[in-house]
Amino acid sequence: MKQPGFSDVDERLARLSGLGDQLEAFSRTVDFEAFRPDLEKAFSVRFGRMTERAGLTNLTFHDLRHEATSRFARYLVNPLDLMRVTGHRDLKSLDRYYQPIMHELADKIEANEPTPLE
């Protein structure tokens, strides 16, 4: 059951890729850098209020970025695709945010192991 306000990753990726040309055209016409200082402050204040209201402590926006990057990595096995989605410019910076779950990596290895011939 989906939680209200949250979308499935596959649905979100499909929706965003369907808007690709429109989003690119929009980004060429709007200077987002002009809004950055005000948006960052507003976002920071709202994020702080939301985490406080939820009773969460020691949670930063960057913690969410780590989590999102790791979750996207489950669907995007090509690191170049993952870099494009997360906005990282190189593998070194991507590696700082990607935190794999070790048992999932082990499961992938085991799933691809050849079975011994009997």
C-alpha atoms as a PDB file:
ATOM      1  CA  MET A   1       0.000   0.000   0.000  1.00  0.00           C
ATOM      2  CA  LYS A   2       1.420   3.345  -1.027  1.00  0.00           C
ATOM      3  CA  GLN A   3       1.647   6.124   1.502  1.00  0.00           C
ATOM      4  CA  PRO A   4      -0.239   9.281   0.455  1.00  0.00           C
ATOM      5  CA  GLY A   5       2.042  11.838  -1.148  1.00  0.00           C
ATOM      6  CA  PHE A   6       4.689   9.286  -2.132  1.00  0.00           C
ATOM      7  CA  SER A   7       5.083   7.765  -5.563  1.00  0.00           C
ATOM      8  CA  ASP A   8       6.624   4.563  -6.743  1.00  0.00           C
ATOM      9  CA  VAL A   9      10.174   5.063  -8.071  1.00  0.00           C
ATOM     10  CA  ASP A  10       9.287   3.441 -11.409  1.00  0.00           C
ATOM     11  CA  GLU A  11       6.245   5.710 -11.783  1.00  0.00           C
ATOM     12  CA  ARG A  12       8.310   8.800 -10.935  1.00  0.00           C
ATOM     13  CA  LEU A  13      11.090   7.924 -13.381  1.00  0.00           C
ATOM     14  CA  ALA A  14       8.541   7.258 -16.133  1.00  0.00           C
ATOM     15  CA  ARG A  15       6.753  10.541 -15.431  1.00  0.00           C
ATOM     16  CA  LEU A  16      10.005  12.521 -15.392  1.00  0.00           C
ATOM     17  CA  SER A  17      11.338  10.918 -18.559  1.00  0.00           C
ATOM     18  CA  GLY A  18       8.044  11.702 -20.291  1.00  0.00           C
ATOM     19  CA  LEU A  19       8.534  15.369 -19.394  1.00  0.00           C
ATOM     20  CA  GLY A  20      12.174  15.455 -20.469  1.00  0.00           C
ATOM     21  CA  ASP A  21      11.893  17.860 -23.394  1.00  0.00           C
ATOM     22  CA  GLN A  22       9.514  20.182 -21.551  1.00  0.00           C
ATOM     23  CA  LEU A  23      11.730  20.247 -18.455  1.00  0.00           C
ATOM     24  CA  GLU A  24      14.808  20.987 -20.543  1.00  0.00           C
ATOM     25  CA  ALA A  25      13.053  23.860 -22.331  1.00  0.00           C
ATOM     26  CA  PHE A  26      11.820  25.230 -19.007  1.00  0.00           C
ATOM     27  CA  SER A  27      15.284  25.070 -17.451  1.00  0.00           C
ATOM     28  CA  ARG A  28      16.719  27.041 -20.394  1.00  0.00           C
ATOM     29  CA  THR A  29      14.221  29.883 -19.914  1.00  0.00           C
ATOM     30  CA  VAL A  30      14.314  30.230 -16.107  1.00  0.00           C
ATOM     31  CA  ASP A  31      17.405  31.352 -14.223  1.00  0.00           C
ATOM     32  CA  PHE A  32      17.074  29.125 -11.161  1.00  0.00           C
ATOM     33  CA  GLU A  33      20.283  30.527  -9.683  1.00  0.00           C
ATOM     34  CA  ALA A  34      18.482  33.821  -9.071  1.00  0.00           C
ATOM     35  CA  PHE A  35      16.093  32.015  -6.712  1.00  0.00           C
ATOM     36  CA  ARG A  36      18.668  29.792  -5.018  1.00  0.00           C
ATOM     37  CA  PRO A  37      19.437  31.828  -1.845  1.00  0.00           C
ATOM     38  CA  ASP A  38      15.757  32.356  -0.983  1.00  0.00           C
ATOM     39  CA  LEU A  39      14.772  28.796  -1.866  1.00  0.00           C
ATOM     40  CA  GLU A  40      17.605  27.267   0.156  1.00  0.00           C
ATOM     41  CA  LYS A  41      16.654  29.287   3.241  1.00  0.00           C
ATOM     42  CA  ALA A  42      12.942  28.514   2.867  1.00  0.00           C
ATOM     43  CA  PHE A  43      13.641  24.837   2.314  1.00  0.00           C
ATOM     44  CA  SER A  44      15.977  24.687   5.299  1.00  0.00           C
ATOM     45  CA  VAL A  45      13.400  26.274   7.604  1.00  0.00           C
ATOM     46  CA  ARG A  46      10.568  24.046   6.384  1.00  0.00           C
ATOM     47  CA  PHE A  47      12.696  20.888   6.562  1.00  0.00           C
ATOM     48  CA  GLY A  48      13.687  21.754  10.142  1.00  0.00           C
ATOM     49  CA  ARG A  49      10.069  22.262  11.156  1.00  0.00           C
ATOM     50  CA  MET A  50       8.943  19.025   9.523  1.00  0.00           C
ATOM     51  CA  THR A  51      11.632  16.898  11.148  1.00  0.00           C
ATOM     52  CA  GLU A  52      10.940  18.500  14.536  1.00  0.00           C
ATOM     53  CA  ARG A  53       7.200  17.864  14.160  1.00  0.00           C
ATOM     54  CA  ALA A  54       7.914  14.237  13.240  1.00  0.00           C
ATOM     55  CA  GLY A  55      10.107  13.834  16.324  1.00  0.00           C
ATOM     56  CA  LEU A  56      13.233  13.155  14.264  1.00  0.00           C
ATOM     57  CA  THR A  57      16.591  14.258  15.564  1.00  0.00           C
ATOM     58  CA  ASN A  58      19.948  14.465  13.819  1.00  0.00           C
ATOM     59  CA  LEU A  59      18.402  14.184  10.354  1.00  0.00           C
ATOM     60  CA  THR A  60      19.704  16.447   7.614  1.00  0.00           C
ATOM     61  CA  PHE A  61      18.710  16.909   4.015  1.00  0.00           C
ATOM     62  CA  HIS A  62      21.992  15.312   3.008  1.00  0.00           C
ATOM     63  CA  ASP A  63      20.990  12.202   4.957  1.00  0.00           C
ATOM     64  CA  LEU A  64      17.994  11.994   2.632  1.00  0.00           C
ATOM     65  CA  ARG A  65      20.240  12.450  -0.387  1.00  0.00           C
ATOM     66  CA  HIS A  66      22.356   9.487   0.749  1.00  0.00           C
ATOM     67  CA  GLU A  67      19.216   7.399   1.184  1.00  0.00           C
ATOM     68  CA  ALA A  68      17.711   8.406  -2.163  1.00  0.00           C
ATOM     69  CA  THR A  69      20.951   7.701  -4.019  1.00  0.00           C
ATOM     70  CA  SER A  70      21.205   4.250  -2.450  1.00  0.00           C
ATOM     71  CA  ARG A  71      17.588   3.455  -3.287  1.00  0.00           C
ATOM     72  CA  PHE A  72      17.930   4.634  -6.889  1.00  0.00           C
ATOM     73  CA  ALA A  73      21.020   2.413  -7.197  1.00  0.00           C
ATOM     74  CA  ARG A  74      18.767  -0.625  -6.729  1.00  0.00           C
ATOM     75  CA  TYR A  75      16.957   0.266  -9.966  1.00  0.00           C
ATOM     76  CA  LEU A  76      19.760   1.871 -11.960  1.00  0.00           C
ATOM     77  CA  VAL A  77      22.587  -0.629 -12.186  1.00  0.00           C
ATOM     78  CA  ASN A  78      24.591   1.534 -14.582  1.00  0.00           C
ATOM     79  CA  PRO A  79      26.525   4.080 -12.460  1.00  0.00           C
ATOM     80  CA  LEU A  80      26.428   6.616 -15.307  1.00  0.00           C
ATOM     81  CA  ASP A  81      22.624   6.534 -15.273  1.00  0.00           C
ATOM     82  CA  LEU A  82      22.660   6.884 -11.494  1.00  0.00           C
ATOM     83  CA  MET A  83      24.975   9.898 -11.805  1.00  0.00           C
ATOM     84  CA  ARG A  84      22.585  11.536 -14.267  1.00  0.00           C
ATOM     85  CA  VAL A  85      19.591  11.061 -11.975  1.00  0.00           C
ATOM     86  CA  THR A  86      21.352  12.245  -8.807  1.00  0.00           C
ATOM     87  CA  GLY A  87      23.275  15.081 -10.454  1.00  0.00           C
ATOM     88  CA  HIS A  88      26.748  13.892  -9.484  1.00  0.00           C
ATOM     89  CA  ARG A  89      29.526  14.839 -11.874  1.00  0.00           C
ATOM     90  CA  ASP A  90      31.932  11.994 -11.240  1.00  0.00           C
ATOM     91  CA  LEU A  91      32.079   8.519  -9.725  1.00  0.00           C
ATOM     92  CA  LYS A  92      34.063   9.705  -6.714  1.00  0.00           C
ATOM     93  CA  SER A  93      31.331  12.099  -5.594  1.00  0.00           C
ATOM     94  CA  LEU A  94      28.636   9.522  -6.362  1.00  0.00           C
ATOM     95  CA  ASP A  95      30.480   6.976  -4.228  1.00  0.00           C
ATOM     96  CA  ARG A  96      30.225   9.296  -1.196  1.00  0.00           C
ATOM     97  CA  TYR A  97      26.425   9.175  -1.393  1.00  0.00           C
ATOM     98  CA  TYR A  98      25.873   5.566  -2.417  1.00  0.00           C
ATOM     99  CA  GLN A  99      25.665   3.363   0.664  1.00  0.00           C
ATOM    100  CA  PRO A 100      24.991  -0.215  -0.453  1.00  0.00           C
ATOM    101  CA  ILE A 101      23.308  -2.736   1.812  1.00  0.00           C
ATOM    102  CA  MET A 102      25.833  -5.524   2.046  1.00  0.00           C
ATOM    103  CA  HIS A 103      23.402  -8.432   2.222  1.00  0.00           C
ATOM    104  CA  GLU A 104      21.742  -7.167  -0.976  1.00  0.00           C
ATOM    105  CA  LEU A 105      25.119  -7.166  -2.739  1.00  0.00           C
ATOM    106  CA  ALA A 106      25.770 -10.699  -1.460  1.00  0.00           C
ATOM    107  CA  ASP A 107      22.341 -11.813  -2.696  1.00  0.00           C
ATOM    108  CA  LYS A 108      23.106 -10.404  -6.167  1.00  0.00           C
ATOM    109  CA  ILE A 109      26.414 -12.278  -6.294  1.00  0.00           C
ATOM    110  CA  GLU A 110      24.792 -15.519  -5.185  1.00  0.00           C
ATOM    111  CA  ALA A 111      21.972 -15.107  -7.721  1.00  0.00           C
ATOM    112  CA  ASN A 112      24.506 -14.853 -10.538  1.00  0.00           C
ATOM    113  CA  GLU A 113      26.757 -17.682  -9.396  1.00  0.00           C
ATOM    114  CA  PRO A 114      26.783 -20.600 -11.794  1.00  0.00           C
ATOM    115  CA  THR A 115      25.296 -23.761 -10.385  1.00  0.00           C
ATOM    116  CA  PRO A 116      27.690 -26.713 -10.154  1.00  0.00           C
ATOM    117  CA  LEU A 117      27.187 -29.511 -12.666  1.00  0.00           C
ATOM    118  CA  GLU A 118      26.100 -32.753 -11.156  1.00  0.00           C
END
